[in-house]
All heavy atoms as atom14 arrays in JSON, in Angstrom:
{
  "sequence": "NNGLVRLIVSHAMFSVAVVTFIVRARMAGVDTSLQEASADLG",
  "atom14_mask": [
    [1, 1, 1, 1, 1, 1, 1, 1, 0, 0, 0, 0, 0, 0],
    [1, 1, 1, 1, 1, 1, 1, 1, 0, 0, 0, 0, 0, 0],
    [1, 1, 1, 1, 0, 0, 0, 0, 0, 0, 0, 0, 0, 0],
    [1, 1, 1, 1, 1, 1, 1, 1, 0, 0, 0, 0, 0, 0],
    [1, 1, 1, 1, 1, 1, 1, 0, 0, 0, 0, 0, 0, 0],
    [1, 1, 1, 1, 1, 1, 1, 1, 1, 1, 1, 0, 0, 0],
    [1, 1, 1, 1, 1, 1, 1, 1, 0, 0, 0, 0, 0, 0],
    [1, 1, 1, 1, 1, 1, 1, 1, 0, 0, 0, 0, 0, 0],
    [1, 1, 1, 1, 1, 1, 1, 0, 0, 0, 0, 0, 0, 0],
    [1, 1, 1, 1, 1, 1, 0, 0, 0, 0, 0, 0, 0, 0],
    [1, 1, 1, 1, 1, 1, 1, 1, 1, 1, 0, 0, 0, 0],
    [1, 1, 1, 1, 1, 0, 0, 0, 0, 0, 0, 0, 0, 0],
    [1, 1, 1, 1, 1, 1, 1, 1, 0, 0, 0, 0, 0, 0],
    [1, 1, 1, 1, 1, 1, 1, 1, 1, 1, 1, 0, 0, 0],
    [1, 1, 1, 1, 1, 1, 0, 0, 0, 0, 0, 0, 0, 0],
    [1, 1, 1, 1, 1, 1, 1, 0, 0, 0, 0, 0, 0, 0],
    [1, 1, 1, 1, 1, 0, 0, 0, 0, 0, 0, 0, 0, 0],
    [1, 1, 1, 1, 1, 1, 1, 0, 0, 0, 0, 0, 0, 0],
    [1, 1, 1, 1, 1, 1, 1, 0, 0, 0, 0, 0, 0, 0],
    [1, 1, 1, 1, 1, 1, 1, 0, 0, 0, 0, 0, 0, 0],
    [1, 1, 1, 1, 1, 1, 1, 1, 1, 1, 1, 0, 0, 0],
    [1, 1, 1, 1, 1, 1, 1, 1, 0, 0, 0, 0, 0, 0],
    [1, 1, 1, 1, 1, 1, 1, 0, 0, 0, 0, 0, 0, 0],
    [1, 1, 1, 1, 1, 1, 1, 1, 1, 1, 1, 0, 0, 0],
    [1, 1, 1, 1, 1, 0, 0, 0, 0, 0, 0, 0, 0, 0],
    [1, 1, 1, 1, 1, 1, 1, 1, 1, 1, 1, 0, 0, 0],
    [1, 1, 1, 1, 1, 1, 1, 1, 0, 0, 0, 0, 0, 0],
    [1, 1, 1, 1, 1, 0, 0, 0, 0, 0, 0, 0, 0, 0],
    [1, 1, 1, 1, 0, 0, 0, 0, 0, 0, 0, 0, 0, 0],
    [1, 1, 1, 1, 1, 1, 1, 0, 0, 0, 0, 0, 0, 0],
    [1, 1, 1, 1, 1, 1, 1, 1, 0, 0, 0, 0, 0, 0],
    [1, 1, 1, 1, 1, 1, 1, 0, 0, 0, 0, 0, 0, 0],
    [1, 1, 1, 1, 1, 1, 0, 0, 0, 0, 0, 0, 0, 0],
    [1, 1, 1, 1, 1, 1, 1, 1, 0, 0, 0, 0, 0, 0],
    [1, 1, 1, 1, 1, 1, 1, 1, 1, 0, 0, 0, 0, 0],
    [1, 1, 1, 1, 1, 1, 1, 1, 1, 0, 0, 0, 0, 0],
    [1, 1, 1, 1, 1, 0, 0, 0, 0, 0, 0, 0, 0, 0],
    [1, 1, 1, 1, 1, 1, 0, 0, 0, 0, 0, 0, 0, 0],
    [1, 1, 1, 1, 1, 0, 0, 0, 0, 0, 0, 0, 0, 0],
    [1, 1, 1, 1, 1, 1, 1, 1, 0, 0, 0, 0, 0, 0],
    [1, 1, 1, 1, 1, 1, 1, 1, 0, 0, 0, 0, 0, 0],
    [1, 1, 1, 1, 0, 0, 0, 0, 0, 0, 0, 0, 0, 0]
  ],
  "atom14_positions": [
    [[27.38, -44.12, 27.9], [26.66, -43.08, 28.64], [26.72, -43.31, 30.15], [26.32, -42.46, 30.92], [25.2, -43.02, 28.18], [25.08, -42.53, 26.75], [25.89, -41.75, 26.29], [24.07, -43.01, 26.05], [0.0, 0.0, 0.0], [0.0, 0.0, 0.0], [0.0, 0.0, 0.0], [0.0, 0.0, 0.0], [0.0, 0.0, 0.0], [0.0, 0.0, 0.0]],
    [[27.2, -44.48, 30.55], [27.35, -44.81, 31.97], [28.56, -44.09, 32.53], [29.66, -44.17, 31.98], [27.5, -46.33, 32.11], [27.52, -46.78, 33.56], [27.87, -46.02, 34.46], [27.16, -48.02, 33.77], [0.0, 0.0, 0.0], [0.0, 0.0, 0.0], [0.0, 0.0, 0.0], [0.0, 0.0, 0.0], [0.0, 0.0, 0.0], [0.0, 0.0, 0.0]],
    [[28.38, -43.38, 33.64], [29.47, -42.6, 34.23], [30.63, -43.46, 34.7], [31.8, -43.06, 34.58], [0.0, 0.0, 0.0], [0.0, 0.0, 0.0], [0.0, 0.0, 0.0], [0.0, 0.0, 0.0], [0.0, 0.0, 0.0], [0.0, 0.0, 0.0], [0.0, 0.0, 0.0], [0.0, 0.0, 0.0], [0.0, 0.0, 0.0], [0.0, 0.0, 0.0]],
    [[30.33, -44.67, 35.23], [31.41, -45.54, 35.71], [32.25, -46.05, 34.54], [33.49, -46.12, 34.64], [30.83, -46.71, 36.5], [31.84, -47.64, 37.16], [32.71, -46.86, 38.15], [31.16, -48.79, 37.84], [0.0, 0.0, 0.0], [0.0, 0.0, 0.0], [0.0, 0.0, 0.0], [0.0, 0.0, 0.0], [0.0, 0.0, 0.0], [0.0, 0.0, 0.0]],
    [[31.61, -46.37, 33.43], [32.36, -46.81, 32.24], [33.26, -45.67, 31.76], [34.43, -45.89, 31.4], [31.4, -47.26, 31.13], [32.14, -47.51, 29.82], [30.66, -48.51, 31.56], [0.0, 0.0, 0.0], [0.0, 0.0, 0.0], [0.0, 0.0, 0.0], [0.0, 0.0, 0.0], [0.0, 0.0, 0.0], [0.0, 0.0, 0.0], [0.0, 0.0, 0.0]],
    [[32.74, -44.47, 31.76], [33.56, -43.32, 31.35], [34.76, -43.13, 32.28], [35.86, -42.83, 31.82], [32.7, -42.06, 31.33], [31.68, -42.04, 30.23], [30.86, -40.77, 30.26], [29.92, -40.73, 29.15], [29.2, -39.68, 28.84], [29.28, -38.57, 29.57], [28.37, -39.71, 27.82], [0.0, 0.0, 0.0], [0.0, 0.0, 0.0], [0.0, 0.0, 0.0]],
    [[34.53, -43.3, 33.58], [35.65, -43.18, 34.54], [36.71, -44.24, 34.28], [37.91, -43.95, 34.28], [35.12, -43.34, 35.97], [34.74, -42.11, 36.75], [34.16, -42.5, 38.09], [35.92, -41.2, 36.95], [0.0, 0.0, 0.0], [0.0, 0.0, 0.0], [0.0, 0.0, 0.0], [0.0, 0.0, 0.0], [0.0, 0.0, 0.0], [0.0, 0.0, 0.0]],
    [[36.27, -45.47, 34.07], [37.21, -46.58, 33.86], [38.03, -46.35, 32.6], [39.25, -46.47, 32.6], [36.45, -47.91, 33.82], [35.93, -48.27, 35.21], [37.33, -49.03, 33.27], [35.0, -49.45, 35.25], [0.0, 0.0, 0.0], [0.0, 0.0, 0.0], [0.0, 0.0, 0.0], [0.0, 0.0, 0.0], [0.0, 0.0, 0.0], [0.0, 0.0, 0.0]],
    [[37.36, -46.0, 31.51], [38.08, -45.79, 30.24], [39.03, -44.61, 30.35], [40.18, -44.68, 29.89], [37.07, -45.59, 29.08], [37.76, -45.15, 27.81], [36.28, -46.87, 28.85], [0.0, 0.0, 0.0], [0.0, 0.0, 0.0], [0.0, 0.0, 0.0], [0.0, 0.0, 0.0], [0.0, 0.0, 0.0], [0.0, 0.0, 0.0], [0.0, 0.0, 0.0]],
    [[38.59, -43.53, 30.95], [39.44, -42.34, 31.07], [40.69, -42.61, 31.9], [41.79, -42.2, 31.52], [38.65, -41.2, 31.7], [37.53, -40.87, 30.92], [0.0, 0.0, 0.0], [0.0, 0.0, 0.0], [0.0, 0.0, 0.0], [0.0, 0.0, 0.0], [0.0, 0.0, 0.0], [0.0, 0.0, 0.0], [0.0, 0.0, 0.0], [0.0, 0.0, 0.0]],
    [[40.52, -43.29, 33.02], [41.68, -43.59, 33.86], [42.6, -44.61, 33.19], [43.83, -44.54, 33.33], [41.24, -44.1, 35.22], [40.74, -43.03, 36.13], [39.45, -42.58, 36.11], [41.37, -42.3, 37.08], [39.29, -41.62, 37.01], [40.45, -41.42, 37.61], [0.0, 0.0, 0.0], [0.0, 0.0, 0.0], [0.0, 0.0, 0.0], [0.0, 0.0, 0.0]],
    [[42.01, -45.56, 32.48], [42.82, -46.59, 31.84], [43.67, -46.02, 30.7], [44.76, -46.52, 30.44], [41.93, -47.71, 31.31], [0.0, 0.0, 0.0], [0.0, 0.0, 0.0], [0.0, 0.0, 0.0], [0.0, 0.0, 0.0], [0.0, 0.0, 0.0], [0.0, 0.0, 0.0], [0.0, 0.0, 0.0], [0.0, 0.0, 0.0], [0.0, 0.0, 0.0]],
    [[43.2, -44.97, 30.05], [43.95, -44.43, 28.92], [45.34, -43.94, 29.32], [46.3, -44.1, 28.58], [43.17, -43.29, 28.26], [42.0, -43.72, 27.44], [42.44, -44.86, 26.12], [41.8, -46.39, 26.71], [0.0, 0.0, 0.0], [0.0, 0.0, 0.0], [0.0, 0.0, 0.0], [0.0, 0.0, 0.0], [0.0, 0.0, 0.0], [0.0, 0.0, 0.0]],
    [[45.45, -43.37, 30.5], [46.77, -42.93, 30.97], [47.61, -44.13, 31.39], [48.8, -44.21, 31.09], [46.6, -41.96, 32.14], [47.91, -41.5, 32.72], [48.65, -40.52, 32.08], [48.42, -42.06, 33.87], [49.87, -40.1, 32.6], [49.62, -41.65, 34.4], [50.35, -40.67, 33.75], [0.0, 0.0, 0.0], [0.0, 0.0, 0.0], [0.0, 0.0, 0.0]],
    [[46.98, -45.08, 32.06], [47.72, -46.23, 32.59], [48.19, -47.18, 31.49], [49.19, -47.87, 31.67], [46.85, -46.99, 33.59], [46.41, -46.13, 34.6], [0.0, 0.0, 0.0], [0.0, 0.0, 0.0], [0.0, 0.0, 0.0], [0.0, 0.0, 0.0], [0.0, 0.0, 0.0], [0.0, 0.0, 0.0], [0.0, 0.0, 0.0], [0.0, 0.0, 0.0]],
    [[47.47, -47.23, 30.39], [47.86, -48.13, 29.3], [49.26, -47.81, 28.81], [50.06, -48.71, 28.54], [46.83, -48.04, 28.14], [47.39, -48.62, 26.86], [45.56, -48.76, 28.5], [0.0, 0.0, 0.0], [0.0, 0.0, 0.0], [0.0, 0.0, 0.0], [0.0, 0.0, 0.0], [0.0, 0.0, 0.0], [0.0, 0.0, 0.0], [0.0, 0.0, 0.0]],
    [[49.59, -46.54, 28.71], [50.92, -46.14, 28.24], [52.01, -46.65, 29.18], [53.04, -47.17, 28.73], [51.0, -44.63, 28.09], [0.0, 0.0, 0.0], [0.0, 0.0, 0.0], [0.0, 0.0, 0.0], [0.0, 0.0, 0.0], [0.0, 0.0, 0.0], [0.0, 0.0, 0.0], [0.0, 0.0, 0.0], [0.0, 0.0, 0.0], [0.0, 0.0, 0.0]],
    [[51.78, -46.52, 30.47], [52.78, -46.96, 31.45], [52.97, -48.47, 31.36], [54.1, -48.98, 31.3], [52.35, -46.54, 32.88], [53.3, -47.09, 33.91], [52.25, -45.04, 32.98], [0.0, 0.0, 0.0], [0.0, 0.0, 0.0], [0.0, 0.0, 0.0], [0.0, 0.0, 0.0], [0.0, 0.0, 0.0], [0.0, 0.0, 0.0], [0.0, 0.0, 0.0]],
    [[51.86, -49.22, 31.33], [51.94, -50.68, 31.26], [52.62, -51.11, 29.95], [53.46, -52.01, 29.94], [50.54, -51.3, 31.39], [50.59, -52.81, 31.17], [49.93, -50.98, 32.73], [0.0, 0.0, 0.0], [0.0, 0.0, 0.0], [0.0, 0.0, 0.0], [0.0, 0.0, 0.0], [0.0, 0.0, 0.0], [0.0, 0.0, 0.0], [0.0, 0.0, 0.0]],
    [[52.26, -50.47, 28.86], [52.83, -50.84, 27.55], [54.34, -50.68, 27.55], [55.07, -51.58, 27.1], [52.21, -49.99, 26.43], [50.81, -50.19, 26.41], [52.79, -50.35, 25.08], [0.0, 0.0, 0.0], [0.0, 0.0, 0.0], [0.0, 0.0, 0.0], [0.0, 0.0, 0.0], [0.0, 0.0, 0.0], [0.0, 0.0, 0.0], [0.0, 0.0, 0.0]],
    [[54.83, -49.57, 28.06], [56.28, -49.34, 28.04], [57.01, -50.31, 28.98], [58.12, -50.75, 28.7], [56.6, -47.9, 28.38], [56.22, -46.94, 27.28], [55.62, -45.73, 27.58], [56.46, -47.24, 25.96], [55.26, -44.84, 26.57], [56.12, -46.36, 24.94], [55.52, -45.17, 25.25], [0.0, 0.0, 0.0], [0.0, 0.0, 0.0], [0.0, 0.0, 0.0]],
    [[56.39, -50.65, 30.11], [57.02, -51.6, 31.03], [57.08, -52.99, 30.41], [58.11, -53.67, 30.45], [56.27, -51.62, 32.38], [56.48, -50.31, 33.13], [56.71, -52.8, 33.24], [55.63, -50.15, 34.36], [0.0, 0.0, 0.0], [0.0, 0.0, 0.0], [0.0, 0.0, 0.0], [0.0, 0.0, 0.0], [0.0, 0.0, 0.0], [0.0, 0.0, 0.0]],
    [[55.97, -53.43, 29.83], [55.93, -54.76, 29.21], [56.87, -54.82, 28.01], [57.57, -55.81, 27.8], [54.49, -55.14, 28.82], [54.45, -56.4, 27.98], [53.63, -55.3, 30.06], [0.0, 0.0, 0.0], [0.0, 0.0, 0.0], [0.0, 0.0, 0.0], [0.0, 0.0, 0.0], [0.0, 0.0, 0.0], [0.0, 0.0, 0.0], [0.0, 0.0, 0.0]],
    [[56.9, -53.75, 27.23], [57.8, -53.71, 26.07], [59.26, -53.85, 26.51], [60.03, -54.6, 25.9], [57.61, -52.41, 25.31], [58.53, -52.25, 24.14], [58.4, -50.89, 23.53], [59.26, -50.72, 22.39], [59.43, -49.6, 21.75], [58.78, -48.52, 22.14], [60.22, -49.51, 20.73], [0.0, 0.0, 0.0], [0.0, 0.0, 0.0], [0.0, 0.0, 0.0]],
    [[59.64, -53.13, 27.55], [61.02, -53.21, 28.03], [61.33, -54.61, 28.55], [62.43, -55.13, 28.34], [61.24, -52.18, 29.13], [0.0, 0.0, 0.0], [0.0, 0.0, 0.0], [0.0, 0.0, 0.0], [0.0, 0.0, 0.0], [0.0, 0.0, 0.0], [0.0, 0.0, 0.0], [0.0, 0.0, 0.0], [0.0, 0.0, 0.0], [0.0, 0.0, 0.0]],
    [[60.36, -55.23, 29.23], [60.6, -56.57, 29.78], [60.66, -57.62, 28.68], [61.47, -58.54, 28.72], [59.5, -56.91, 30.79], [59.83, -58.05, 31.65], [61.01, -57.71, 32.55], [61.72, -58.91, 32.91], [62.99, -59.13, 32.67], [63.74, -58.24, 32.09], [63.56, -60.25, 33.01], [0.0, 0.0, 0.0], [0.0, 0.0, 0.0], [0.0, 0.0, 0.0]],
    [[59.78, -57.49, 27.69], [59.75, -58.47, 26.59], [60.98, -58.34, 25.7], [61.37, -59.3, 25.04], [58.48, -58.29, 25.76], [57.21, -58.72, 26.46], [57.19, -60.46, 26.9], [57.13, -61.23, 25.3], [0.0, 0.0, 0.0], [0.0, 0.0, 0.0], [0.0, 0.0, 0.0], [0.0, 0.0, 0.0], [0.0, 0.0, 0.0], [0.0, 0.0, 0.0]],
    [[61.59, -57.17, 25.67], [62.81, -57.01, 24.87], [63.95, -57.86, 25.43], [64.87, -58.22, 24.7], [63.22, -55.54, 24.82], [0.0, 0.0, 0.0], [0.0, 0.0, 0.0], [0.0, 0.0, 0.0], [0.0, 0.0, 0.0], [0.0, 0.0, 0.0], [0.0, 0.0, 0.0], [0.0, 0.0, 0.0], [0.0, 0.0, 0.0], [0.0, 0.0, 0.0]],
    [[63.88, -58.2, 26.72], [64.91, -59.02, 27.35], [64.69, -60.5, 27.22], [65.53, -61.29, 27.65], [0.0, 0.0, 0.0], [0.0, 0.0, 0.0], [0.0, 0.0, 0.0], [0.0, 0.0, 0.0], [0.0, 0.0, 0.0], [0.0, 0.0, 0.0], [0.0, 0.0, 0.0], [0.0, 0.0, 0.0], [0.0, 0.0, 0.0], [0.0, 0.0, 0.0]],
    [[63.56, -60.92, 26.63], [63.28, -62.35, 26.48], [64.04, -62.88, 25.27], [63.99, -62.3, 24.19], [61.77, -62.59, 26.33], [61.48, -64.05, 26.04], [61.03, -62.16, 27.58], [0.0, 0.0, 0.0], [0.0, 0.0, 0.0], [0.0, 0.0, 0.0], [0.0, 0.0, 0.0], [0.0, 0.0, 0.0], [0.0, 0.0, 0.0], [0.0, 0.0, 0.0]],
    [[64.71, -63.99, 25.46], [65.47, -64.61, 24.38], [64.5, -65.2, 23.36], [63.7, -66.08, 23.68], [66.38, -65.69, 24.96], [67.37, -66.23, 23.95], [67.4, -65.73, 22.82], [68.12, -67.16, 24.3], [0.0, 0.0, 0.0], [0.0, 0.0, 0.0], [0.0, 0.0, 0.0], [0.0, 0.0, 0.0], [0.0, 0.0, 0.0], [0.0, 0.0, 0.0]],
    [[64.54, -64.74, 22.13], [63.62, -65.2, 21.1], [63.87, -66.65, 20.71], [62.96, -67.32, 20.23], [63.71, -64.32, 19.84], [65.06, -64.28, 19.39], [63.23, -62.91, 20.14], [0.0, 0.0, 0.0], [0.0, 0.0, 0.0], [0.0, 0.0, 0.0], [0.0, 0.0, 0.0], [0.0, 0.0, 0.0], [0.0, 0.0, 0.0], [0.0, 0.0, 0.0]],
    [[65.07, -67.16, 20.94], [65.34, -68.56, 20.61], [64.52, -69.49, 21.5], [64.15, -70.59, 21.08], [66.82, -68.87, 20.73], [67.26, -68.73, 22.07], [0.0, 0.0, 0.0], [0.0, 0.0, 0.0], [0.0, 0.0, 0.0], [0.0, 0.0, 0.0], [0.0, 0.0, 0.0], [0.0, 0.0, 0.0], [0.0, 0.0, 0.0], [0.0, 0.0, 0.0]],
    [[64.22, -69.07, 22.73], [63.37, -69.86, 23.61], [61.95, -69.94, 23.06], [61.3, -70.98, 23.11], [63.35, -69.27, 25.02], [64.67, -69.3, 25.78], [64.53, -68.58, 27.11], [65.13, -70.73, 25.99], [0.0, 0.0, 0.0], [0.0, 0.0, 0.0], [0.0, 0.0, 0.0], [0.0, 0.0, 0.0], [0.0, 0.0, 0.0], [0.0, 0.0, 0.0]],
    [[61.45, -68.84, 22.51], [60.12, -68.85, 21.93], [60.08, -69.71, 20.68], [59.12, -70.43, 20.44], [59.69, -67.42, 21.61], [59.57, -66.54, 22.84], [59.29, -65.09, 22.5], [59.27, -64.71, 21.35], [59.1, -64.28, 23.53], [0.0, 0.0, 0.0], [0.0, 0.0, 0.0], [0.0, 0.0, 0.0], [0.0, 0.0, 0.0], [0.0, 0.0, 0.0]],
    [[61.13, -69.64, 19.87], [61.19, -70.48, 18.68], [61.28, -71.95, 19.04], [60.63, -72.8, 18.4], [62.38, -70.06, 17.82], [62.24, -68.67, 17.23], [63.54, -68.14, 16.66], [64.57, -68.86, 16.71], [63.54, -66.99, 16.17], [0.0, 0.0, 0.0], [0.0, 0.0, 0.0], [0.0, 0.0, 0.0], [0.0, 0.0, 0.0], [0.0, 0.0, 0.0]],
    [[62.05, -72.29, 20.06], [62.15, -73.68, 20.5], [60.81, -74.17, 21.04], [60.42, -75.32, 20.8], [63.23, -73.81, 21.58], [0.0, 0.0, 0.0], [0.0, 0.0, 0.0], [0.0, 0.0, 0.0], [0.0, 0.0, 0.0], [0.0, 0.0, 0.0], [0.0, 0.0, 0.0], [0.0, 0.0, 0.0], [0.0, 0.0, 0.0], [0.0, 0.0, 0.0]],
    [[60.11, -73.32, 21.74], [58.79, -73.67, 22.25], [57.82, -73.97, 21.12], [57.06, -74.94, 21.16], [58.26, -72.53, 23.12], [56.94, -72.79, 23.52], [0.0, 0.0, 0.0], [0.0, 0.0, 0.0], [0.0, 0.0, 0.0], [0.0, 0.0, 0.0], [0.0, 0.0, 0.0], [0.0, 0.0, 0.0], [0.0, 0.0, 0.0], [0.0, 0.0, 0.0]],
    [[57.86, -73.15, 20.08], [56.99, -73.39, 18.92], [57.39, -74.67, 18.21], [56.52, -75.43, 17.75], [57.06, -72.2, 17.97], [0.0, 0.0, 0.0], [0.0, 0.0, 0.0], [0.0, 0.0, 0.0], [0.0, 0.0, 0.0], [0.0, 0.0, 0.0], [0.0, 0.0, 0.0], [0.0, 0.0, 0.0], [0.0, 0.0, 0.0], [0.0, 0.0, 0.0]],
    [[58.7, -74.96, 18.11], [59.15, -76.19, 17.47], [58.69, -77.43, 18.23], [58.46, -78.49, 17.62], [60.68, -76.21, 17.36], [61.21, -75.24, 16.31], [60.4, -74.81, 15.46], [62.41, -74.91, 16.36], [0.0, 0.0, 0.0], [0.0, 0.0, 0.0], [0.0, 0.0, 0.0], [0.0, 0.0, 0.0], [0.0, 0.0, 0.0], [0.0, 0.0, 0.0]],
    [[58.56, -77.29, 19.55], [58.13, -78.43, 20.37], [56.61, -78.55, 20.45], [56.1, -79.4, 21.16], [58.73, -78.31, 21.77], [60.25, -78.45, 21.84], [60.77, -78.12, 23.22], [60.66, -79.87, 21.44], [0.0, 0.0, 0.0], [0.0, 0.0, 0.0], [0.0, 0.0, 0.0], [0.0, 0.0, 0.0], [0.0, 0.0, 0.0], [0.0, 0.0, 0.0]],
    [[55.89, -77.68, 19.74], [54.44, -77.83, 19.64], [53.63, -76.99, 20.61], [52.41, -77.18, 20.7], [0.0, 0.0, 0.0], [0.0, 0.0, 0.0], [0.0, 0.0, 0.0], [0.0, 0.0, 0.0], [0.0, 0.0, 0.0], [0.0, 0.0, 0.0], [0.0, 0.0, 0.0], [0.0, 0.0, 0.0], [0.0, 0.0, 0.0], [0.0, 0.0, 0.0]]
  ]
}
């Protein structure tokens, strides 16, 4: 019911899509073997 919370959530809903697609594109370029090696090393 707080107006500021409503403003924050409303504005964030549009921005979430932009951030998600940018992070998804960047994470697609990460070599998964590095993540597996990291997990193997603890």
